[in-house]
Amino acid sequence: MSCSHDHAAENGVFGFDARGVSRRFRHAAIFGALESLSDGETMRFTNDHDPQPLLQQIRHRYGPQVQIDYVEREAGNVVIDFRITLAALTPEMQAAAEAETASGGCGGNGAGGCGCSH
């Protein structure tokens, strides 16, 4: 039997449909999903509106390590790719990210992770 997450990604792109997540938990779920990604992986985010406050939070929290690219931007259907780019980190930030991952934070236990400082 194979693990279901093996089929969840196509070319390192993992889907996240925010429309199915309660608004109360949405941002926390999105941050958790971002922090579970490894360098070079992408979360394809789908929503029913353009989440400008969320994008500002992501920029503030993760800086250049999360690249934000719109795939679709229509009324009622917004699709955004969030790509993890650890190469955008300074050497000091990269060392801290590696220490965080090794200690079990943000996708730790050798599973990769976003490398954030949270």
PDB file of N, CA and C in Angstrom:
ATOM      1  N   MET A   1       0.852  -1.172   0.000  1.00  0.00           N
ATOM      2  CA  MET A   1       0.000   0.000   0.000  1.00  0.00           C
ATOM      3  C   MET A   1       0.898   1.235   0.000  1.00  0.00           C
ATOM      4  N   SER A   2       0.580   2.217  -0.833  1.00  0.00           N
ATOM      5  CA  SER A   2       1.389   3.421  -0.888  1.00  0.00           C
ATOM      6  C   SER A   2       0.768   4.508  -0.028  1.00  0.00           C
ATOM      7  N   CYS A   3       1.588   5.449   0.343  1.00  0.00           N
ATOM      8  CA  CYS A   3       1.143   6.568   1.172  1.00  0.00           C
ATOM      9  C   CYS A   3       0.348   7.539   0.301  1.00  0.00           C
ATOM     10  N   SER A   4      -0.748   8.059   0.795  1.00  0.00           N
ATOM     11  CA  SER A   4      -1.622   8.907  -0.009  1.00  0.00           C
ATOM     12  C   SER A   4      -0.960  10.204  -0.442  1.00  0.00           C
ATOM     13  N   HIS A   5      -0.020  10.727   0.351  1.00  0.00           N
ATOM     14  CA  HIS A   5       0.599  11.991  -0.027  1.00  0.00           C
ATOM     15  C   HIS A   5       1.486  11.848  -1.252  1.00  0.00           C
ATOM     16  N   ASP A   6       1.899  10.630  -1.597  1.00  0.00           N
ATOM     17  CA  ASP A   6       2.702  10.415  -2.796  1.00  0.00           C
ATOM     18  C   ASP A   6       1.919  10.810  -4.044  1.00  0.00           C
ATOM     19  N   HIS A   7       0.608  10.671  -4.001  1.00  0.00           N
ATOM     20  CA  HIS A   7      -0.224  10.986  -5.146  1.00  0.00           C
ATOM     21  C   HIS A   7      -0.818  12.391  -5.054  1.00  0.00           C
ATOM     22  N   ALA A   8      -0.601  13.068  -3.950  1.00  0.00           N
ATOM     23  CA  ALA A   8      -1.197  14.382  -3.746  1.00  0.00           C
ATOM     24  C   ALA A   8      -0.454  15.473  -4.495  1.00  0.00           C
ATOM     25  N   ALA A   9       0.782  15.215  -4.879  1.00  0.00           N
ATOM     26  CA  ALA A   9       1.579  16.240  -5.539  1.00  0.00           C
ATOM     27  C   ALA A   9       1.880  15.832  -6.965  1.00  0.00           C
ATOM     28  N   GLU A  10       1.866  16.818  -7.818  1.00  0.00           N
ATOM     29  CA  GLU A  10       2.277  16.612  -9.200  1.00  0.00           C
ATOM     30  C   GLU A  10       3.430  17.565  -9.450  1.00  0.00           C
ATOM     31  N   ASN A  11       4.598  17.015  -9.715  1.00  0.00           N
ATOM     32  CA  ASN A  11       5.797  17.819  -9.952  1.00  0.00           C
ATOM     33  C   ASN A  11       6.118  18.746  -8.784  1.00  0.00           C
ATOM     34  N   GLY A  12       5.939  18.268  -7.565  1.00  0.00           N
ATOM     35  CA  GLY A  12       6.259  19.073  -6.388  1.00  0.00           C
ATOM     36  C   GLY A  12       5.237  20.142  -6.075  1.00  0.00           C
ATOM     37  N   VAL A  13       4.044  20.051  -6.651  1.00  0.00           N
ATOM     38  CA  VAL A  13       2.980  21.029  -6.397  1.00  0.00           C
ATOM     39  C   VAL A  13       1.873  20.331  -5.618  1.00  0.00           C
ATOM     40  N   PHE A  14       1.608  20.831  -4.411  1.00  0.00           N
ATOM     41  CA  PHE A  14       0.597  20.268  -3.531  1.00  0.00           C
ATOM     42  C   PHE A  14      -0.605  21.207  -3.484  1.00  0.00           C
ATOM     43  N   GLY A  15      -1.780  20.662  -3.649  1.00  0.00           N
ATOM     44  CA  GLY A  15      -2.993  21.473  -3.631  1.00  0.00           C
ATOM     45  C   GLY A  15      -3.462  21.792  -2.222  1.00  0.00           C
ATOM     46  N   PHE A  16      -4.001  22.991  -2.050  1.00  0.00           N
ATOM     47  CA  PHE A  16      -4.608  23.408  -0.788  1.00  0.00           C
ATOM     48  C   PHE A  16      -5.834  24.237  -1.135  1.00  0.00           C
ATOM     49  N   ASP A  17      -7.019  23.693  -0.931  1.00  0.00           N
ATOM     50  CA  ASP A  17      -8.261  24.398  -1.221  1.00  0.00           C
ATOM     51  C   ASP A  17      -8.791  24.999   0.072  1.00  0.00           C
ATOM     52  N   ALA A  18      -8.601  26.289   0.229  1.00  0.00           N
ATOM     53  CA  ALA A  18      -8.990  26.977   1.463  1.00  0.00           C
ATOM     54  C   ALA A  18     -10.499  27.057   1.630  1.00  0.00           C
ATOM     55  N   ARG A  19     -11.240  26.877   0.562  1.00  0.00           N
ATOM     56  CA  ARG A  19     -12.701  26.976   0.645  1.00  0.00           C
ATOM     57  C   ARG A  19     -13.286  25.887   1.530  1.00  0.00           C
ATOM     58  N   GLY A  20     -12.556  24.800   1.737  1.00  0.00           N
ATOM     59  CA  GLY A  20     -13.050  23.704   2.564  1.00  0.00           C
ATOM     60  C   GLY A  20     -12.600  23.784   4.010  1.00  0.00           C
ATOM     61  N   VAL A  21     -11.909  24.866   4.380  1.00  0.00           N
ATOM     62  CA  VAL A  21     -11.397  25.021   5.740  1.00  0.00           C
ATOM     63  C   VAL A  21     -12.186  26.131   6.425  1.00  0.00           C
ATOM     64  N   SER A  22     -12.643  25.887   7.631  1.00  0.00           N
ATOM     65  CA  SER A  22     -13.372  26.895   8.391  1.00  0.00           C
ATOM     66  C   SER A  22     -12.554  28.186   8.472  1.00  0.00           C
ATOM     67  N   ARG A  23     -13.209  29.316   8.266  1.00  0.00           N
ATOM     68  CA  ARG A  23     -12.502  30.612   8.299  1.00  0.00           C
ATOM     69  C   ARG A  23     -11.722  30.806   9.598  1.00  0.00           C
ATOM     70  N   ARG A  24     -12.249  30.288  10.673  1.00  0.00           N
ATOM     71  CA  ARG A  24     -11.603  30.441  11.977  1.00  0.00           C
ATOM     72  C   ARG A  24     -10.210  29.802  12.007  1.00  0.00           C
ATOM     73  N   PHE A  25     -10.038  28.712  11.267  1.00  0.00           N
ATOM     74  CA  PHE A  25      -8.780  27.964  11.288  1.00  0.00           C
ATOM     75  C   PHE A  25      -7.943  28.153  10.030  1.00  0.00           C
ATOM     76  N   ARG A  26      -8.431  28.922   9.087  1.00  0.00           N
ATOM     77  CA  ARG A  26      -7.816  28.990   7.765  1.00  0.00           C
ATOM     78  C   ARG A  26      -6.352  29.420   7.783  1.00  0.00           C
ATOM     79  N   HIS A  27      -6.032  30.542   8.410  1.00  0.00           N
ATOM     80  CA  HIS A  27      -4.651  31.032   8.370  1.00  0.00           C
ATOM     81  C   HIS A  27      -3.698  30.068   9.059  1.00  0.00           C
ATOM     82  N   ALA A  28      -4.107  29.528  10.197  1.00  0.00           N
ATOM     83  CA  ALA A  28      -3.249  28.566  10.902  1.00  0.00           C
ATOM     84  C   ALA A  28      -2.997  27.336  10.039  1.00  0.00           C
ATOM     85  N   ALA A  29      -4.031  26.869   9.337  1.00  0.00           N
ATOM     86  CA  ALA A  29      -3.878  25.704   8.460  1.00  0.00           C
ATOM     87  C   ALA A  29      -2.943  26.017   7.304  1.00  0.00           C
ATOM     88  N   ILE A  30      -3.048  27.216   6.754  1.00  0.00           N
ATOM     89  CA  ILE A  30      -2.187  27.616   5.639  1.00  0.00           C
ATOM     90  C   ILE A  30      -0.731  27.709   6.093  1.00  0.00           C
ATOM     91  N   PHE A  31      -0.492  28.324   7.244  1.00  0.00           N
ATOM     92  CA  PHE A  31       0.885  28.415   7.761  1.00  0.00           C
ATOM     93  C   PHE A  31       1.450  27.019   8.011  1.00  0.00           C
ATOM     94  N   GLY A  32       0.640  26.140   8.594  1.00  0.00           N
ATOM     95  CA  GLY A  32       1.085  24.773   8.838  1.00  0.00           C
ATOM     96  C   GLY A  32       1.438  24.055   7.547  1.00  0.00           C
ATOM     97  N   ALA A  33       0.609  24.252   6.525  1.00  0.00           N
ATOM     98  CA  ALA A  33       0.881  23.620   5.230  1.00  0.00           C
ATOM     99  C   ALA A  33       2.162  24.172   4.617  1.00  0.00           C
ATOM    100  N   LEU A  34       2.359  25.479   4.676  1.00  0.00           N
ATOM    101  CA  LEU A  34       3.588  26.073   4.137  1.00  0.00           C
ATOM    102  C   LEU A  34       4.820  25.536   4.860  1.00  0.00           C
ATOM    103  N   GLU A  35       4.710  25.407   6.167  1.00  0.00           N
ATOM    104  CA  GLU A  35       5.852  24.973   6.971  1.00  0.00           C
ATOM    105  C   GLU A  35       6.157  23.489   6.808  1.00  0.00           C
ATOM    106  N   SER A  36       5.266  22.756   6.168  1.00  0.00           N
ATOM    107  CA  SER A  36       5.532  21.338   5.922  1.00  0.00           C
ATOM    108  C   SER A  36       6.210  21.103   4.572  1.00  0.00           C
ATOM    109  N   LEU A  37       6.331  22.145   3.761  1.00  0.00           N
ATOM    110  CA  LEU A  37       6.950  22.014   2.448  1.00  0.00           C
ATOM    111  C   LEU A  37       8.472  22.055   2.541  1.00  0.00           C
ATOM    112  N   SER A  38       9.106  21.392   1.610  1.00  0.00           N
ATOM    113  CA  SER A  38      10.569  21.406   1.502  1.00  0.00           C
ATOM    114  C   SER A  38      10.991  22.387   0.417  1.00  0.00           C
ATOM    115  N   ASP A  39      12.254  22.697   0.390  1.00  0.00           N
ATOM    116  CA  ASP A  39      12.812  23.616  -0.603  1.00  0.00           C
ATOM    117  C   ASP A  39      12.437  23.167  -2.014  1.00  0.00           C
ATOM    118  N   GLY A  40      11.913  24.097  -2.800  1.00  0.00           N
ATOM    119  CA  GLY A  40      11.541  23.820  -4.174  1.00  0.00           C
ATOM    120  C   GLY A  40      10.112  23.344  -4.353  1.00  0.00           C
ATOM    121  N   GLU A  41       9.432  22.985  -3.276  1.00  0.00           N
ATOM    122  CA  GLU A  41       8.052  22.531  -3.381  1.00  0.00           C
ATOM    123  C   GLU A  41       7.100  23.728  -3.404  1.00  0.00           C
ATOM    124  N   THR A  42       5.917  23.490  -3.947  1.00  0.00           N
ATOM    125  CA  THR A  42       4.924  24.546  -4.124  1.00  0.00           C
ATOM    126  C   THR A  42       3.586  24.104  -3.560  1.00  0.00           C
ATOM    127  N   MET A  43       2.908  25.037  -2.900  1.00  0.00           N
ATOM    128  CA  MET A  43       1.534  24.809  -2.482  1.00  0.00           C
ATOM    129  C   MET A  43       0.647  25.623  -3.410  1.00  0.00           C
ATOM    130  N   ARG A  44      -0.238  24.943  -4.144  1.00  0.00           N
ATOM    131  CA  ARG A  44      -1.194  25.630  -5.017  1.00  0.00           C
ATOM    132  C   ARG A  44      -2.454  25.891  -4.213  1.00  0.00           C
ATOM    133  N   PHE A  45      -2.648  27.141  -3.863  1.00  0.00           N
ATOM    134  CA  PHE A  45      -3.709  27.607  -2.976  1.00  0.00           C
ATOM    135  C   PHE A  45      -4.910  28.056  -3.801  1.00  0.00           C
ATOM    136  N   THR A  46      -6.093  27.561  -3.452  1.00  0.00           N
ATOM    137  CA  THR A  46      -7.327  27.954  -4.136  1.00  0.00           C
ATOM    138  C   THR A  46      -8.261  28.581  -3.115  1.00  0.00           C
ATOM    139  N   ASN A  47      -8.874  29.709  -3.503  1.00  0.00           N
ATOM    140  CA  ASN A  47      -9.767  30.416  -2.592  1.00  0.00           C
ATOM    141  C   ASN A  47     -10.873  31.091  -3.397  1.00  0.00           C
ATOM    142  N   ASP A  48     -11.906  31.568  -2.703  1.00  0.00           N
ATOM    143  CA  ASP A  48     -13.015  32.242  -3.370  1.00  0.00           C
ATOM    144  C   ASP A  48     -12.839  33.756  -3.426  1.00  0.00           C
ATOM    145  N   HIS A  49     -11.765  34.270  -2.851  1.00  0.00           N
ATOM    146  CA  HIS A  49     -11.473  35.708  -2.890  1.00  0.00           C
ATOM    147  C   HIS A  49      -9.964  35.918  -2.851  1.00  0.00           C
ATOM    148  N   ASP A  50      -9.532  37.122  -3.179  1.00  0.00           N
ATOM    149  CA  ASP A  50      -8.111  37.473  -3.160  1.00  0.00           C
ATOM    150  C   ASP A  50      -7.713  37.783  -1.720  1.00  0.00           C
ATOM    151  N   PRO A  51      -6.872  36.959  -1.103  1.00  0.00           N
ATOM    152  CA  PRO A  51      -6.580  37.070   0.332  1.00  0.00           C
ATOM    153  C   PRO A  51      -5.441  38.047   0.656  1.00  0.00           C
ATOM    154  N   GLN A  52      -5.630  39.309   0.378  1.00  0.00           N
ATOM    155  CA  GLN A  52      -4.566  40.294   0.582  1.00  0.00           C
ATOM    156  C   GLN A  52      -4.015  40.326   2.009  1.00  0.00           C
ATOM    157  N   PRO A  53      -4.853  40.297   3.068  1.00  0.00           N
ATOM    158  CA  PRO A  53      -4.286  40.273   4.425  1.00  0.00           C
ATOM    159  C   PRO A  53      -3.404  39.037   4.664  1.00  0.00           C
ATOM    160  N   LEU A  54      -3.826  37.889   4.155  1.00  0.00           N
ATOM    161  CA  LEU A  54      -3.030  36.673   4.283  1.00  0.00           C
ATOM    162  C   LEU A  54      -1.686  36.833   3.568  1.00  0.00           C
ATOM    163  N   LEU A  55      -1.685  37.391   2.369  1.00  0.00           N
ATOM    164  CA  LEU A  55      -0.436  37.574   1.620  1.00  0.00           C
ATOM    165  C   LEU A  55       0.527  38.475   2.386  1.00  0.00           C
ATOM    166  N   GLN A  56      -0.012  39.532   3.009  1.00  0.00           N
ATOM    167  CA  GLN A  56       0.844  40.411   3.821  1.00  0.00           C
ATOM    168  C   GLN A  56       1.439  39.647   5.004  1.00  0.00           C
ATOM    169  N   GLN A  57       0.626  38.813   5.651  1.00  0.00           N
ATOM    170  CA  GLN A  57       1.128  38.011   6.771  1.00  0.00           C
ATOM    171  C   GLN A  57       2.219  37.051   6.308  1.00  0.00           C
ATOM    172  N   ILE A  58       2.021  36.425   5.167  1.00  0.00           N
ATOM    173  CA  ILE A  58       3.024  35.492   4.643  1.00  0.00           C
ATOM    174  C   ILE A  58       4.314  36.228   4.335  1.00  0.00           C
ATOM    175  N   ARG A  59       4.223  37.390   3.682  1.00  0.00           N
ATOM    176  CA  ARG A  59       5.426  38.181   3.364  1.00  0.00           C
ATOM    177  C   ARG A  59       6.158  38.579   4.641  1.00  0.00           C
ATOM    178  N   HIS A  60       5.393  38.992   5.649  1.00  0.00           N
ATOM    179  CA  HIS A  60       6.012  39.418   6.907  1.00  0.00           C
ATOM    180  C   HIS A  60       6.635  38.236   7.648  1.00  0.00           C
ATOM    181  N   ARG A  61       5.943  37.129   7.690  1.00  0.00           N
ATOM    182  CA  ARG A  61       6.378  35.964   8.468  1.00  0.00           C
ATOM    183  C   ARG A  61       7.528  35.200   7.821  1.00  0.00           C
ATOM    184  N   TYR A  62       7.487  35.049   6.485  1.00  0.00           N
ATOM    185  CA  TYR A  62       8.460  34.198   5.800  1.00  0.00           C
ATOM    186  C   TYR A  62       9.427  34.948   4.897  1.00  0.00           C
ATOM    187  N   GLY A  63       9.142  36.201   4.584  1.00  0.00           N
ATOM    188  CA  GLY A  63      10.039  36.982   3.744  1.00  0.00           C
ATOM    189  C   GLY A  63      10.273  36.334   2.386  1.00  0.00           C
ATOM    190  N   PRO A  64      11.519  36.359   1.910  1.00  0.00           N
ATOM    191  CA  PRO A  64      11.808  35.878   0.558  1.00  0.00           C
ATOM    192  C   PRO A  64      11.783  34.360   0.404  1.00  0.00           C
ATOM    193  N   GLN A  65      11.629  33.627   1.493  1.00  0.00           N
ATOM    194  CA  GLN A  65      11.651  32.173   1.360  1.00  0.00           C
ATOM    195  C   GLN A  65      10.341  31.600   0.824  1.00  0.00           C
ATOM    196  N   VAL A  66       9.288  32.428   0.719  1.00  0.00           N
ATOM    197  CA  VAL A  66       8.040  31.994   0.082  1.00  0.00           C
ATOM    198  C   VAL A  66       7.763  32.943  -1.081  1.00  0.00           C
ATOM    199  N   GLN A  67       7.844  32.393  -2.284  1.00  0.00           N
ATOM    200  CA  GLN A  67       7.547  33.150  -3.499  1.00  0.00           C
ATOM    201  C   GLN A  67       6.061  33.045  -3.772  1.00  0.00           C
ATOM    202  N   ILE A  68       5.417  34.167  -4.074  1.00  0.00           N
ATOM    203  CA  ILE A  68       3.976  34.221  -4.291  1.00  0.00           C
ATOM    204  C   ILE A  68       3.699  34.559  -5.750  1.00  0.00           C
ATOM    205  N   ASP A  69       2.995  33.664  -6.455  1.00  0.00           N
ATOM    206  CA  ASP A  69       2.667  33.880  -7.865  1.00  0.00           C
ATOM    207  C   ASP A  69       1.206  33.535  -8.119  1.00  0.00           C
ATOM    208  N   TYR A  70       0.461  34.486  -8.681  1.00  0.00           N
ATOM    209  CA  TYR A  70      -0.922  34.218  -9.048  1.00  0.00           C
ATOM    210  C   TYR A  70      -0.961  33.316 -10.277  1.00  0.00           C
ATOM    211  N   VAL A  71      -1.810  32.294 -10.222  1.00  0.00           N
ATOM    212  CA  VAL A  71      -2.065  31.424 -11.361  1.00  0.00           C
ATOM    213  C   VAL A  71      -3.367  31.864 -12.027  1.00  0.00           C
ATOM    214  N   GLU A  72      -4.382  32.140 -11.214  1.00  0.00           N
ATOM    215  CA  GLU A  72      -5.672  32.673 -11.670  1.00  0.00           C
ATOM    216  C   GLU A  72      -6.111  33.743 -10.685  1.00  0.00           C
ATOM    217  N   ARG A  73      -6.752  34.774 -11.209  1.00  0.00           N
ATOM    218  CA  ARG A  73      -7.209  35.869 -10.345  1.00  0.00           C
ATOM    219  C   ARG A  73      -8.531  36.406 -10.893  1.00  0.00           C
ATOM    220  N   GLU A  74      -9.587  35.635 -10.664  1.00  0.00           N
ATOM    221  CA  GLU A  74     -10.919  35.991 -11.130  1.00  0.00           C
ATOM    222  C   GLU A  74     -11.845  36.125  -9.927  1.00  0.00           C
ATOM    223  N   ALA A  75     -12.923  36.858 -10.106  1.00  0.00           N
ATOM    224  CA  ALA A  75     -13.916  36.969  -9.032  1.00  0.00           C
ATOM    225  C   ALA A  75     -14.448  35.578  -8.707  1.00  0.00           C
ATOM    226  N   GLY A  76     -14.353  35.183  -7.447  1.00  0.00           N
ATOM    227  CA  GLY A  76     -14.841  33.890  -7.007  1.00  0.00           C
ATOM    228  C   GLY A  76     -13.880  32.736  -7.192  1.00  0.00           C
ATOM    229  N   ASN A  77     -12.751  32.970  -7.866  1.00  0.00           N
ATOM    230  CA  ASN A  77     -11.773  31.900  -8.081  1.00  0.00           C
ATOM    231  C   ASN A  77     -10.371  32.493  -8.158  1.00  0.00           C
ATOM    232  N   VAL A  78      -9.641  32.339  -7.057  1.00  0.00           N
ATOM    233  CA  VAL A  78      -8.268  32.820  -6.991  1.00  0.00           C
ATOM    234  C   VAL A  78      -7.370  31.624  -6.732  1.00  0.00           C
ATOM    235  N   VAL A  79      -6.334  31.479  -7.553  1.00  0.00           N
ATOM    236  CA  VAL A  79      -5.366  30.399  -7.398  1.00  0.00           C
ATOM    237  C   VAL A  79      -3.986  31.032  -7.320  1.00  0.00           C
ATOM    238  N   ILE A  80      -3.266  30.698  -6.239  1.00  0.00           N
ATOM    239  CA  ILE A  80      -1.939  31.276  -5.998  1.00  0.00           C
ATOM    240  C   ILE A  80      -0.967  30.147  -5.715  1.00  0.00           C
ATOM    241  N   ASP A  81       0.204  30.205  -6.329  1.00  0.00           N
ATOM    242  CA  ASP A  81       1.279  29.270  -6.014  1.00  0.00           C
ATOM    243  C   ASP A  81       2.193  29.895  -4.975  1.00  0.00           C
ATOM    244  N   PHE A  82       2.412  29.171  -3.878  1.00  0.00           N
ATOM    245  CA  PHE A  82       3.378  29.564  -2.853  1.00  0.00           C
ATOM    246  C   PHE A  82       4.541  28.590  -2.981  1.00  0.00           C
ATOM    247  N   ARG A  83       5.687  29.078  -3.449  1.00  0.00           N
ATOM    248  CA  ARG A  83       6.854  28.217  -3.678  1.00  0.00           C
ATOM    249  C   ARG A  83       7.907  28.489  -2.613  1.00  0.00           C
ATOM    250  N   ILE A  84       8.391  27.419  -2.008  1.00  0.00           N
ATOM    251  CA  ILE A  84       9.431  27.531  -0.983  1.00  0.00           C
ATOM    252  C   ILE A  84      10.781  27.652  -1.679  1.00  0.00           C
ATOM    253  N   THR A  85      11.523  28.719  -1.343  1.00  0.00           N
ATOM    254  CA  THR A  85      12.814  28.987  -1.956  1.00  0.00           C
ATOM    255  C   THR A  85      13.819  29.307  -0.864  1.00  0.00           C
ATOM    256  N   LEU A  86      14.417  28.267  -0.315  1.00  0.00           N
ATOM    257  CA  LEU A  86      15.373  28.486   0.769  1.00  0.00           C
ATOM    258  C   LEU A  86      16.654  29.138   0.264  1.00  0.00           C
ATOM    259  N   ALA A  87      16.924  29.071  -1.039  1.00  0.00           N
ATOM    260  CA  ALA A  87      18.110  29.715  -1.593  1.00  0.00           C
ATOM    261  C   ALA A  87      18.047  31.232  -1.400  1.00  0.00           C
ATOM    262  N   ALA A  88      16.846  31.778  -1.171  1.00  0.00           N
ATOM    263  CA  ALA A  88      16.686  33.210  -0.946  1.00  0.00           C
ATOM    264  C   ALA A  88      17.153  33.628   0.447  1.00  0.00           C
ATOM    265  N   LEU A  89      17.448  32.651   1.303  1.00  0.00           N
ATOM    266  CA  LEU A  89      17.882  32.944   2.660  1.00  0.00           C
ATOM    267  C   LEU A  89      19.359  33.300   2.698  1.00  0.00           C
ATOM    268  N   THR A  90      19.719  34.148   3.642  1.00  0.00           N
ATOM    269  CA  THR A  90      21.133  34.434   3.873  1.00  0.00           C
ATOM    270  C   THR A  90      21.767  33.202   4.508  1.00  0.00           C
ATOM    271  N   PRO A  91      23.091  33.076   4.481  1.00  0.00           N
ATOM    272  CA  PRO A  91      23.731  31.919   5.120  1.00  0.00           C
ATOM    273  C   PRO A  91      23.350  31.771   6.598  1.00  0.00           C
ATOM    274  N   GLU A  92      23.200  32.887   7.315  1.00  0.00           N
ATOM    275  CA  GLU A  92      22.821  32.832   8.717  1.00  0.00           C
ATOM    276  C   GLU A  92      21.409  32.286   8.878  1.00  0.00           C
ATOM    277  N   MET A  93      20.495  32.735   8.012  1.00  0.00           N
ATOM    278  CA  MET A  93      19.119  32.254   8.058  1.00  0.00           C
ATOM    279  C   MET A  93      19.060  30.776   7.691  1.00  0.00           C
ATOM    280  N   GLN A  94      19.877  30.343   6.712  1.00  0.00           N
ATOM    281  CA  GLN A  94      19.902  28.944   6.300  1.00  0.00           C
ATOM    282  C   GLN A  94      20.389  28.054   7.445  1.00  0.00           C
ATOM    283  N   ALA A  95      21.439  28.483   8.165  1.00  0.00           N
ATOM    284  CA  ALA A  95      21.954  27.708   9.289  1.00  0.00           C
ATOM    285  C   ALA A  95      20.892  27.569  10.376  1.00  0.00           C
ATOM    286  N   ALA A  96      20.177  28.650  10.659  1.00  0.00           N
ATOM    287  CA  ALA A  96      19.113  28.605  11.661  1.00  0.00           C
ATOM    288  C   ALA A  96      17.986  27.676  11.203  1.00  0.00           C
ATOM    289  N   ALA A  97      17.675  27.711   9.909  1.00  0.00           N
ATOM    290  CA  ALA A  97      16.621  26.847   9.363  1.00  0.00           C
ATOM    291  C   ALA A  97      17.014  25.382   9.488  1.00  0.00           C
ATOM    292  N   GLU A  98      18.265  25.063   9.203  1.00  0.00           N
ATOM    293  CA  GLU A  98      18.725  23.682   9.304  1.00  0.00           C
ATOM    294  C   GLU A  98      18.683  23.207  10.750  1.00  0.00           C
ATOM    295  N   ALA A  99      19.055  24.082  11.689  1.00  0.00           N
ATOM    296  CA  ALA A  99      19.000  23.719  13.105  1.00  0.00           C
ATOM    297  C   ALA A  99      17.558  23.500  13.543  1.00  0.00           C
ATOM    298  N   GLU A 100      16.644  24.345  13.068  1.00  0.00           N
ATOM    299  CA  GLU A 100      15.221  24.216  13.399  1.00  0.00           C
ATOM    300  C   GLU A 100      14.669  22.900  12.869  1.00  0.00           C
ATOM    301  N   THR A 101      14.996  22.567  11.626  1.00  0.00           N
ATOM    302  CA  THR A 101      14.514  21.330  11.019  1.00  0.00           C
ATOM    303  C   THR A 101      15.058  20.119  11.761  1.00  0.00           C
ATOM    304  N   ALA A 102      16.337  20.153  12.129  1.00  0.00           N
ATOM    305  CA  ALA A 102      16.951  19.025  12.831  1.00  0.00           C
ATOM    306  C   ALA A 102      16.334  18.829  14.214  1.00  0.00           C
ATOM    307  N   SER A 103      15.834  19.921  14.811  1.00  0.00           N
ATOM    308  CA  SER A 103      15.258  19.818  16.144  1.00  0.00           C
ATOM    309  C   SER A 103      13.770  19.484  16.130  1.00  0.00           C
ATOM    310  N   GLY A 104      13.205  19.299  14.942  1.00  0.00           N
ATOM    311  CA  GLY A 104      11.808  18.878  14.868  1.00  0.00           C
ATOM    312  C   GLY A 104      10.830  19.971  14.521  1.00  0.00           C
ATOM    313  N   GLY A 105      11.263  21.202  14.315  1.00  0.00           N
ATOM    314  CA  GLY A 105      10.343  22.274  13.966  1.00  0.00           C
ATOM    315  C   GLY A 105      10.137  22.385  12.480  1.00  0.00           C
ATOM    316  N   CYS A 106       9.013  22.862  12.062  1.00  0.00           N
ATOM    317  CA  CYS A 106       8.700  23.145  10.658  1.00  0.00           C
ATOM    318  C   CYS A 106       9.090  22.013   9.733  1.00  0.00           C
ATOM    319  N   GLY A 107       8.509  20.881   9.947  1.00  0.00           N
ATOM    320  CA  GLY A 107       8.793  19.751   9.064  1.00  0.00           C
ATOM    321  C   GLY A 107      10.049  19.019   9.461  1.00  0.00           C
ATOM    322  N   GLY A 108      10.375  19.066  10.731  1.00  0.00           N
ATOM    323  CA  GLY A 108      11.602  18.445  11.230  1.00  0.00           C
ATOM    324  C   GLY A 108      11.588  16.935  11.131  1.00  0.00           C
ATOM    325  N   ASN A 109      12.398  16.306  11.943  1.00  0.00           N
ATOM    326  CA  ASN A 109      12.580  14.853  11.898  1.00  0.00           C
ATOM    327  C   ASN A 109      13.101  14.408  10.544  1.00  0.00           C
ATOM    328  N   GLY A 110      13.926  15.275   9.908  1.00  0.00           N
ATOM    329  CA  GLY A 110      14.523  14.937   8.634  1.00  0.00           C
ATOM    330  C   GLY A 110      13.581  15.029   7.460  1.00  0.00           C
ATOM    331  N   ALA A 111      12.411  15.617   7.663  1.00  0.00           N
ATOM    332  CA  ALA A 111      11.412  15.661   6.592  1.00  0.00           C
ATOM    333  C   ALA A 111      11.491  16.923   5.756  1.00  0.00           C
ATOM    334  N   GLY A 112      12.486  17.764   5.957  1.00  0.00           N
ATOM    335  CA  GLY A 112      12.556  19.013   5.232  1.00  0.00           C
ATOM    336  C   GLY A 112      11.860  20.102   6.005  1.00  0.00           C
ATOM    337  N   GLY A 113      11.257  21.042   5.356  1.00  0.00           N
ATOM    338  CA  GLY A 113      10.518  22.100   6.032  1.00  0.00           C
ATOM    339  C   GLY A 113      10.849  23.432   5.432  1.00  0.00           C
ATOM    340  N   CYS A 114      10.078  24.421   5.794  1.00  0.00           N
ATOM    341  CA  CYS A 114      10.204  25.733   5.175  1.00  0.00           C
ATOM    342  C   CYS A 114      11.436  26.491   5.634  1.00  0.00           C
ATOM    343  N   GLY A 115      11.974  26.145   6.791  1.00  0.00           N
ATOM    344  CA  GLY A 115      13.140  26.853   7.289  1.00  0.00           C
ATOM    345  C   GLY A 115      12.799  28.153   7.988  1.00  0.00           C
ATOM    346  N   CYS A 116      11.528  28.367   8.314  1.00  0.00           N
ATOM    347  CA  CYS A 116      11.168  29.609   8.995  1.00  0.00           C
ATOM    348  C   CYS A 116      11.746  29.610  10.408  1.00  0.00           C
ATOM    349  N   SER A 117      11.705  30.742  11.037  1.00  0.00           N
ATOM    350  CA  SER A 117      12.270  30.854  12.377  1.00  0.00           C
ATOM    351  C   SER A 117      11.211  30.681  13.451  1.00  0.00           C
ATOM    352  N   HIS A 118      10.074  30.083  13.128  1.00  0.00           N
ATOM    353  CA  HIS A 118       8.988  29.900  14.100  1.00  0.00           C
ATOM    354  C   HIS A 118       8.947  28.508  14.621  1.00  0.00           C
TER     355      HIS A 118
END
